[in-house]
C-alpha atoms as a PDB file:
ATOM      1  CA  MET A   1     -58.430   5.569  66.431  1.00  0.00           C
ATOM      2  CA  THR A   2     -54.829   4.100  66.093  1.00  0.00           C
ATOM      3  CA  VAL A   3     -51.952   5.337  64.882  1.00  0.00           C
ATOM      4  CA  SER A   4     -49.589   2.341  62.933  1.00  0.00           C
ATOM      5  CA  PRO A   5     -45.921   2.071  64.086  1.00  0.00           C
ATOM      6  CA  GLU A   6     -45.044   3.153  60.119  1.00  0.00           C
ATOM      7  CA  HIS A   7     -47.463   6.536  60.134  1.00  0.00           C
ATOM      8  CA  GLU A   8     -45.820   7.723  63.256  1.00  0.00           C
ATOM      9  CA  LEU A   9     -42.527   7.229  61.305  1.00  0.00           C
ATOM     10  CA  LEU A  10     -43.787   9.414  58.770  1.00  0.00           C
ATOM     11  CA  LEU A  11     -45.032  12.235  61.055  1.00  0.00           C
ATOM     12  CA  GLU A  12     -41.131  11.816  63.056  1.00  0.00           C
ATOM     13  CA  LEU A  13     -39.721  11.727  59.549  1.00  0.00           C
ATOM     14  CA  GLN A  14     -41.902  15.142  57.960  1.00  0.00           C
ATOM     15  CA  ASP A  15     -40.837  17.001  61.496  1.00  0.00           C
ATOM     16  CA  LEU A  16     -37.649  16.312  60.704  1.00  0.00           C
ATOM     17  CA  ILE A  17     -37.570  17.396  56.820  1.00  0.00           C
ATOM     18  CA  ILE A  18     -39.271  20.670  58.336  1.00  0.00           C
ATOM     19  CA  GLY A  19     -36.931  21.641  60.581  1.00  0.00           C
ATOM     20  CA  THR A  20     -33.931  20.582  57.874  1.00  0.00           C
ATOM     21  CA  ASP A  21     -32.617  22.595  54.857  1.00  0.00           C
ATOM     22  CA  SER A  22     -31.253  19.976  52.808  1.00  0.00           C
ATOM     23  CA  VAL A  23     -31.002  15.718  52.309  1.00  0.00           C
ATOM     24  CA  ALA A  24     -27.368  15.906  53.949  1.00  0.00           C
ATOM     25  CA  ASP A  25     -29.221  18.120  57.074  1.00  0.00           C
ATOM     26  CA  PHE A  26     -32.322  15.172  57.075  1.00  0.00           C
ATOM     27  CA  LEU A  27     -29.758  12.093  56.929  1.00  0.00           C
ATOM     28  CA  GLY A  28     -27.851  13.491  59.799  1.00  0.00           C
ATOM     29  CA  GLY A  29     -31.079  13.264  61.588  1.00  0.00           C
ATOM     30  CA  LEU A  30     -32.024  10.498  60.251  1.00  0.00           C
ATOM     31  CA  SER A  31     -29.862   8.461  61.952  1.00  0.00           C
ATOM     32  CA  VAL A  32     -30.421   9.377  64.856  1.00  0.00           C
ATOM     33  CA  ILE A  33     -34.144   7.985  64.799  1.00  0.00           C
ATOM     34  CA  ALA A  34     -32.859   5.097  62.654  1.00  0.00           C
ATOM     35  CA  ALA A  35     -30.565   4.172  66.065  1.00  0.00           C
ATOM     36  CA  SER A  36     -32.995   4.346  68.343  1.00  0.00           C
ATOM     37  CA  SER A  37     -35.686   2.541  66.277  1.00  0.00           C
ATOM     38  CA  ILE A  38     -33.668  -0.191  65.597  1.00  0.00           C
ATOM     39  CA  SER A  39     -31.695  -0.420  69.234  1.00  0.00           C
ATOM     40  CA  ARG A  40     -35.244  -0.957  70.418  1.00  0.00           C
ATOM     41  CA  SER A  41     -35.904  -3.533  68.284  1.00  0.00           C
ATOM     42  CA  ALA A  42     -32.816  -5.484  68.986  1.00  0.00           C
ATOM     43  CA  GLY A  43     -32.674  -4.520  72.974  1.00  0.00           C
ATOM     44  CA  ALA A  44     -29.373  -2.842  72.939  1.00  0.00           C
ATOM     45  CA  ASP A  45     -27.181   0.000  72.111  1.00  0.00           C
ATOM     46  CA  ILE A  46     -26.847  -0.039  68.628  1.00  0.00           C
ATOM     47  CA  GLU A  47     -25.446   3.248  66.553  1.00  0.00           C
ATOM     48  CA  CYS A  48     -26.306   4.481  63.094  1.00  0.00           C
ATOM     49  CA  GLY A  49     -23.873   6.099  60.130  1.00  0.00           C
ATOM     50  CA  VAL A  50     -24.924   7.188  56.782  1.00  0.00           C
ATOM     51  CA  THR A  51     -23.621   6.635  53.848  1.00  0.00           C
ATOM     52  CA  LEU A  52     -24.660   8.871  50.499  1.00  0.00           C
ATOM     53  CA  LYS A  53     -23.827   7.258  46.684  1.00  0.00           C
ATOM     54  CA  HIS A  54     -23.999   9.997  43.978  1.00  0.00           C
ATOM     55  CA  GLY A  55     -22.951   8.126  40.890  1.00  0.00           C
ATOM     56  CA  LYS A  56     -19.902   6.486  41.538  1.00  0.00           C
ATOM     57  CA  LYS A  57     -18.797   7.848  45.047  1.00  0.00           C
ATOM     58  CA  THR A  58     -19.754   7.678  48.253  1.00  0.00           C
ATOM     59  CA  ALA A  59     -19.085   9.794  51.714  1.00  0.00           C
ATOM     60  CA  THR A  60     -19.988   9.421  55.010  1.00  0.00           C
ATOM     61  CA  VAL A  61     -22.511  12.684  55.772  1.00  0.00           C
ATOM     62  CA  GLY A  62     -23.491  12.053  59.269  1.00  0.00           C
ATOM     63  CA  GLY A  63     -24.280   9.631  62.319  1.00  0.00           C
ATOM     64  CA  SER A  64     -26.214   8.501  65.444  1.00  0.00           C
ATOM     65  CA  THR A  65     -22.706   9.390  67.234  1.00  0.00           C
ATOM     66  CA  GLU A  66     -19.345  10.611  66.523  1.00  0.00           C
ATOM     67  CA  ARG A  67     -18.504   6.913  66.638  1.00  0.00           C
ATOM     68  CA  ALA A  68     -20.895   6.165  63.985  1.00  0.00           C
ATOM     69  CA  VAL A  69     -19.050   8.777  61.945  1.00  0.00           C
ATOM     70  CA  HIS A  70     -16.032   7.155  62.747  1.00  0.00           C
ATOM     71  CA  LEU A  71     -16.699   3.666  61.988  1.00  0.00           C
ATOM     72  CA  ASP A  72     -18.458   4.981  58.844  1.00  0.00           C
ATOM     73  CA  MET A  73     -15.685   6.546  57.789  1.00  0.00           C
ATOM     74  CA  ILE A  74     -13.394   3.347  58.355  1.00  0.00           C
ATOM     75  CA  GLU A  75     -15.148   1.653  55.610  1.00  0.00           C
ATOM     76  CA  GLN A  76     -15.218   4.632  53.070  1.00  0.00           C
ATOM     77  CA  ARG A  77     -11.948   4.571  53.671  1.00  0.00           C
ATOM     78  CA  VAL A  78     -11.130   0.670  53.409  1.00  0.00           C
ATOM     79  CA  GLY A  79     -13.771   1.157  49.588  1.00  0.00           C
ATOM     80  CA  ASP A  80     -15.494  -1.546  50.927  1.00  0.00           C
ATOM     81  CA  GLY A  81     -17.859  -3.346  53.090  1.00  0.00           C
ATOM     82  CA  PRO A  82     -21.168  -3.841  54.305  1.00  0.00           C
ATOM     83  CA  CYS A  83     -23.205  -0.638  53.584  1.00  0.00           C
ATOM     84  CA  ILE A  84     -21.057  -0.281  50.205  1.00  0.00           C
ATOM     85  CA  LEU A  85     -22.219  -3.179  49.215  1.00  0.00           C
ATOM     86  CA  ALA A  86     -25.668  -3.328  50.233  1.00  0.00           C
ATOM     87  CA  LEU A  87     -25.767   0.216  47.891  1.00  0.00           C
ATOM     88  CA  LYS A  88     -24.571  -2.137  45.243  1.00  0.00           C
ATOM     89  CA  VAL A  89     -26.958  -5.013  45.314  1.00  0.00           C
ATOM     90  CA  LYS A  90     -29.793  -3.097  46.601  1.00  0.00           C
ATOM     91  CA  LYS A  91     -30.307  -5.438  49.592  1.00  0.00           C
ATOM     92  CA  PRO A  92     -29.652  -5.532  53.099  1.00  0.00           C
ATOM     93  CA  VAL A  93     -26.390  -6.934  53.998  1.00  0.00           C
ATOM     94  CA  LEU A  94     -24.886  -8.706  57.208  1.00  0.00           C
ATOM     95  CA  MET A  95     -21.436  -8.495  58.899  1.00  0.00           C
ATOM     96  CA  ALA A  96     -22.660 -11.156  61.777  1.00  0.00           C
ATOM     97  CA  ASP A  97     -19.603 -11.518  62.848  1.00  0.00           C
ATOM     98  CA  ALA A  98     -16.308  -9.043  62.844  1.00  0.00           C
ATOM     99  CA  ARG A  99     -13.993 -11.783  64.087  1.00  0.00           C
ATOM    100  CA  THR A 100     -15.123 -15.265  61.383  1.00  0.00           C
ATOM    101  CA  ASP A 101     -16.221 -12.896  58.270  1.00  0.00           C
ATOM    102  CA  PRO A 102     -13.509 -13.234  55.309  1.00  0.00           C
ATOM    103  CA  ARG A 103     -14.845 -10.657  53.404  1.00  0.00           C
ATOM    104  CA  TRP A 104     -13.109  -7.249  54.239  1.00  0.00           C
ATOM    105  CA  PRO A 105     -10.291  -8.331  56.540  1.00  0.00           C
ATOM    106  CA  GLY A 106      -9.086  -4.848  56.502  1.00  0.00           C
ATOM    107  CA  TYR A 107     -12.364  -3.265  57.484  1.00  0.00           C
ATOM    108  CA  GLN A 108     -12.920  -6.472  60.282  1.00  0.00           C
ATOM    109  CA  LYS A 109      -9.928  -5.446  61.409  1.00  0.00           C
ATOM    110  CA  ALA A 110     -10.497  -2.123  62.877  1.00  0.00           C
ATOM    111  CA  LEU A 111     -14.043  -2.615  63.679  1.00  0.00           C
ATOM    112  CA  ILE A 112     -12.563  -5.240  66.201  1.00  0.00           C
ATOM    113  CA  GLU A 113     -10.455  -2.635  67.608  1.00  0.00           C
ATOM    114  CA  GLU A 114     -13.147  -0.440  68.207  1.00  0.00           C
ATOM    115  CA  GLY A 115     -15.362  -2.680  70.141  1.00  0.00           C
ATOM    116  CA  CYS A 116     -17.565  -3.517  66.894  1.00  0.00           C
ATOM    117  CA  PHE A 117     -18.412  -7.107  66.311  1.00  0.00           C
ATOM    118  CA  SER A 118     -21.299  -6.691  63.865  1.00  0.00           C
ATOM    119  CA  VAL A 119     -22.758  -4.312  61.528  1.00  0.00           C
ATOM    120  CA  LEU A 120     -25.520  -4.504  58.893  1.00  0.00           C
ATOM    121  CA  GLY A 121     -25.668  -1.928  55.535  1.00  0.00           C
ATOM    122  CA  VAL A 122     -29.257  -1.089  54.693  1.00  0.00           C
ATOM    123  CA  PRO A 123     -29.874   0.850  51.303  1.00  0.00           C
ATOM    124  CA  MET A 124     -32.131   2.918  50.533  1.00  0.00           C
ATOM    125  CA  GLN A 125     -33.018   4.871  46.988  1.00  0.00           C
ATOM    126  CA  LEU A 126     -33.519   8.567  46.647  1.00  0.00           C
ATOM    127  CA  ASN A 127     -33.763   9.024  43.191  1.00  0.00           C
ATOM    128  CA  GLU A 128     -32.626   7.943  39.578  1.00  0.00           C
ATOM    129  CA  ASP A 129     -28.821   9.105  40.750  1.00  0.00           C
ATOM    130  CA  ALA A 130     -28.777   9.141  44.570  1.00  0.00           C
ATOM    131  CA  SER A 131     -28.852   6.422  46.988  1.00  0.00           C
ATOM    132  CA  ALA A 132     -27.884   6.394  50.943  1.00  0.00           C
ATOM    133  CA  ALA A 133     -27.300   3.137  53.206  1.00  0.00           C
ATOM    134  CA  LEU A 134     -27.629   3.033  56.977  1.00  0.00           C
ATOM    135  CA  ASN A 135     -25.317   1.327  58.362  1.00  0.00           C
ATOM    136  CA  PHE A 136     -25.620  -0.259  61.635  1.00  0.00           C
ATOM    137  CA  PHE A 137     -23.158  -0.651  64.376  1.00  0.00           C
ATOM    138  CA  ALA A 138     -23.745  -3.231  66.908  1.00  0.00           C
ATOM    139  CA  PRO A 139     -21.259  -4.008  70.234  1.00  0.00           C
ATOM    140  CA  ALA A 140     -21.961  -7.791  70.311  1.00  0.00           C
ATOM    141  CA  THR A 141     -22.869 -10.619  68.097  1.00  0.00           C
ATOM    142  CA  GLY A 142     -26.067 -12.221  67.169  1.00  0.00           C
ATOM    143  CA  LEU A 143     -27.931  -8.488  67.720  1.00  0.00           C
ATOM    144  CA  PHE A 144     -28.922  -8.289  64.223  1.00  0.00           C
ATOM    145  CA  SER A 145     -31.796 -10.952  64.010  1.00  0.00           C
ATOM    146  CA  GLU A 146     -33.987 -11.825  61.116  1.00  0.00           C
ATOM    147  CA  GLU A 147     -36.634  -9.500  62.786  1.00  0.00           C
ATOM    148  CA  THR A 148     -34.394  -6.462  63.074  1.00  0.00           C
ATOM    149  CA  ILE A 149     -33.017  -6.989  59.649  1.00  0.00           C
ATOM    150  CA  ALA A 150     -36.506  -6.962  58.581  1.00  0.00           C
ATOM    151  CA  GLU A 151     -37.229  -3.857  60.972  1.00  0.00           C
ATOM    152  CA  ALA A 152     -33.981  -1.774  59.636  1.00  0.00           C
ATOM    153  CA  ALA A 153     -35.654  -2.341  55.918  1.00  0.00           C
ATOM    154  CA  ARG A 154     -39.062  -1.610  56.536  1.00  0.00           C
ATOM    155  CA  PHE A 155     -37.228   1.960  58.277  1.00  0.00           C
ATOM    156  CA  ALA A 156     -35.639   2.438  55.483  1.00  0.00           C
ATOM    157  CA  ASP A 157     -37.884   2.071  52.589  1.00  0.00           C
ATOM    158  CA  VAL A 158     -40.059   4.509  54.615  1.00  0.00           C
ATOM    159  CA  ALA A 159     -37.801   6.806  54.953  1.00  0.00           C
ATOM    160  CA  GLY A 160     -36.584   6.345  51.302  1.00  0.00           C
ATOM    161  CA  ARG A 161     -40.183   7.052  51.107  1.00  0.00           C
ATOM    162  CA  ALA A 162     -40.138  10.429  53.113  1.00  0.00           C
ATOM    163  CA  VAL A 163     -37.011  11.510  51.084  1.00  0.00           C
ATOM    164  CA  ARG A 164     -38.206  11.309  47.268  1.00  0.00           C
ATOM    165  CA  LEU A 165     -41.728  13.052  48.508  1.00  0.00           C
ATOM    166  CA  ALA A 166     -39.370  15.823  49.488  1.00  0.00           C
ATOM    167  CA  VAL A 167     -37.464  15.756  46.819  1.00  0.00           C
ATOM    168  CA  ARG A 168     -40.498  15.831  44.301  1.00  0.00           C
ATOM    169  CA  ILE A 169     -42.386  18.057  46.206  1.00  0.00           C
ATOM    170  CA  GLY A 170     -40.057  20.781  47.184  1.00  0.00           C
ATOM    171  CA  THR A 171     -40.354  20.434  50.861  1.00  0.00           C
ATOM    172  CA  ALA A 172     -36.321  20.842  51.632  1.00  0.00           C
ATOM    173  CA  GLU A 173     -36.013  23.864  49.754  1.00  0.00           C
ATOM    174  CA  GLY A 174     -33.683  22.734  46.351  1.00  0.00           C
ATOM    175  CA  ALA A 175     -33.630  18.897  47.545  1.00  0.00           C
ATOM    176  CA  ALA A 176     -32.913  17.751  44.459  1.00  0.00           C
ATOM    177  CA  ASP A 177     -30.004  20.139  43.661  1.00  0.00           C
ATOM    178  CA  ASP A 178     -28.440  19.551  46.941  1.00  0.00           C
ATOM    179  CA  LEU A 179     -28.144  15.432  46.558  1.00  0.00           C
ATOM    180  CA  ALA A 180     -25.029  16.299  44.790  1.00  0.00           C
ATOM    181  CA  LYS A 181     -23.466  18.756  46.999  1.00  0.00           C
ATOM    182  CA  ALA A 182     -24.771  16.519  50.195  1.00  0.00           C
ATOM    183  CA  MET A 183     -20.825  14.940  50.671  1.00  0.00           C
ATOM    184  CA  THR A 184     -19.728  18.694  51.599  1.00  0.00           C
ATOM    185  CA  SER A 185     -22.635  20.029  53.606  1.00  0.00           C
ATOM    186  CA  ARG A 186     -22.541  17.784  56.931  1.00  0.00           C
ATOM    187  CA  THR A 187     -19.265  19.548  58.143  1.00  0.00           C
ATOM    188  CA  ALA A 188     -20.646  22.837  59.538  1.00  0.00           C
ATOM    189  CA  ILE A 189     -23.229  21.276  61.459  1.00  0.00           C
ATOM    190  CA  ASN A 190     -20.691  17.976  62.676  1.00  0.00           C
ATOM    191  CA  LEU A 191     -18.678  20.836  64.307  1.00  0.00           C
ATOM    192  CA  ALA A 192     -21.623  22.669  65.452  1.00  0.00           C
ATOM    193  CA  CYS A 193     -23.116  19.416  67.231  1.00  0.00           C
ATOM    194  CA  GLY A 194     -19.045  19.463  68.480  1.00  0.00           C
ATOM    195  CA  ILE A 195     -19.304  22.669  70.047  1.00  0.00           C
ATOM    196  CA  VAL A 196     -22.954  21.835  71.577  1.00  0.00           C
ATOM    197  CA  MET A 197     -21.871  18.851  72.841  1.00  0.00           C
ATOM    198  CA  GLY A 198     -18.455  20.524  74.725  1.00  0.00           C
ATOM    199  CA  GLN A 199     -20.777  23.389  75.944  1.00  0.00           C
ATOM    200  CA  ASN A 200     -23.958  20.884  77.784  1.00  0.00           C
ATOM    201  CA  ARG A 201     -21.667  18.047  78.035  1.00  0.00           C
ATOM    202  CA  CYS A 202     -24.625  15.778  75.831  1.00  0.00           C
ATOM    203  CA  SER A 203     -24.509  13.125  73.267  1.00  0.00           C
ATOM    204  CA  GLN A 204     -24.777  14.190  69.392  1.00  0.00           C
ATOM    205  CA  ALA A 205     -28.188  13.102  69.471  1.00  0.00           C
ATOM    206  CA  GLU A 206     -29.026  16.001  72.299  1.00  0.00           C
ATOM    207  CA  ALA A 207     -26.948  18.516  70.145  1.00  0.00           C
ATOM    208  CA  MET A 208     -28.232  17.862  67.034  1.00  0.00           C
ATOM    209  CA  ALA A 209     -31.911  17.904  69.157  1.00  0.00           C
ATOM    210  CA  ILE A 210     -30.936  21.094  70.049  1.00  0.00           C
ATOM    211  CA  LEU A 211     -29.631  22.642  67.149  1.00  0.00           C
ATOM    212  CA  ILE A 212     -32.836  21.359  64.601  1.00  0.00           C
ATOM    213  CA  ASN A 213     -34.952  23.278  67.717  1.00  0.00           C
ATOM    214  CA  VAL A 214     -32.729  26.693  67.677  1.00  0.00           C
ATOM    215  CA  SER A 215     -33.590  26.463  63.452  1.00  0.00           C
ATOM    216  CA  SER A 216     -36.840  25.970  64.177  1.00  0.00           C
ATOM    217  CA  HIS A 217     -37.827  29.082  66.731  1.00  0.00           C
ATOM    218  CA  ARG A 218     -35.273  31.216  65.022  1.00  0.00           C
ATOM    219  CA  ASN A 219     -37.106  30.137  61.548  1.00  0.00           C
ATOM    220  CA  GLN A 220     -33.127  29.920  60.287  1.00  0.00           C
ATOM    221  CA  LYS A 221     -31.828  27.433  57.758  1.00  0.00           C
ATOM    222  CA  LEU A 222     -30.250  24.745  59.658  1.00  0.00           C
ATOM    223  CA  ARG A 223     -27.011  24.748  58.166  1.00  0.00           C
ATOM    224  CA  ASP A 224     -26.777  28.918  58.730  1.00  0.00           C
ATOM    225  CA  ILE A 225     -27.323  28.324  62.414  1.00  0.00           C
ATOM    226  CA  ALA A 226     -24.723  25.726  62.286  1.00  0.00           C
ATOM    227  CA  GLU A 227     -22.069  28.581  60.877  1.00  0.00           C
ATOM    228  CA  GLU A 228     -22.865  31.103  63.077  1.00  0.00           C
ATOM    229  CA  ILE A 229     -21.861  28.811  66.394  1.00  0.00           C
ATOM    230  CA  VAL A 230     -18.296  27.884  64.697  1.00  0.00           C
ATOM    231  CA  LEU A 231     -17.777  31.069  63.150  1.00  0.00           C
ATOM    232  CA  LYS A 232     -18.412  32.585  66.824  1.00  0.00           C
ATOM    233  CA  VAL A 233     -16.156  30.178  69.025  1.00  0.00           C
ATOM    234  CA  SER A 234     -13.444  30.034  66.160  1.00  0.00           C
ATOM    235  CA  GLY A 235     -13.417  33.513  64.197  1.00  0.00           C
ATOM    236  CA  GLU A 236     -13.224  31.331  60.879  1.00  0.00           C
ATOM    237  CA  GLU A 237     -15.733  30.282  58.505  1.00  0.00           C
ATOM    238  CA  PRO A 238     -16.287  26.078  58.310  1.00  0.00           C
ATOM    239  CA  VAL A 239     -14.357  24.249  55.825  1.00  0.00           C
ATOM    240  CA  THR A 240     -14.802  20.952  54.434  1.00  0.00           C
ATOM    241  CA  TYR A 241     -11.076  18.792  53.578  1.00  0.00           C
ATOM    242  CA  PHE A 242     -10.765  15.950  51.653  1.00  0.00           C
ATOM    243  CA  ASP A 243      -8.659  13.224  51.540  1.00  0.00           C
ATOM    244  CA  LYS A 244      -6.335  12.833  48.590  1.00  0.00           C
END
């Protein structure tokens, strides 16, 4: 029996939902899968950040790499860009060339300094009150072809359906209520990822996979595992700080 790529993706996302405790955790893991999928489509190393919109607020909740998180957070500080616009217009938004696109000069200057020359924002509807966007970052122009953009949109559609199903049937415990808390719930996991990366000299994607595996084997929530690691190393519980 031949399994369609969409069905394979749904199975992968199902495993991710089961292995995580919250929508925020799921979105962080999702960025790793998204980056891998679009990298194959584009034929280059594409990174992915995830922005969550709840009410009128947006915030970065995860990324396939630390750099992807950093690039996504730059857009949050600027207050506008392809990802944020994609959330507003509810369709993919492409910055084809950061050197020539005139729409977001402050953001573009920062991207060029980081060696990022093209960005694709793709929206993902979660429920009536919340949505997310996948922010794909490319190291060169011309990588986001029409086919790759269509692939990213299909990925976001399948992922959005997976999240909505999880919320509907309660696969992720408290998922509906967790949407409001997701902007602060990534702190412990991001810190734990950094610790695991330092200890194992591995990538963030590999560190996230290690945390998810530990969570599954111990039958403990991913956030609890992360908090244990941070507490053991620093002697303090993780704290989330917000820009004023």
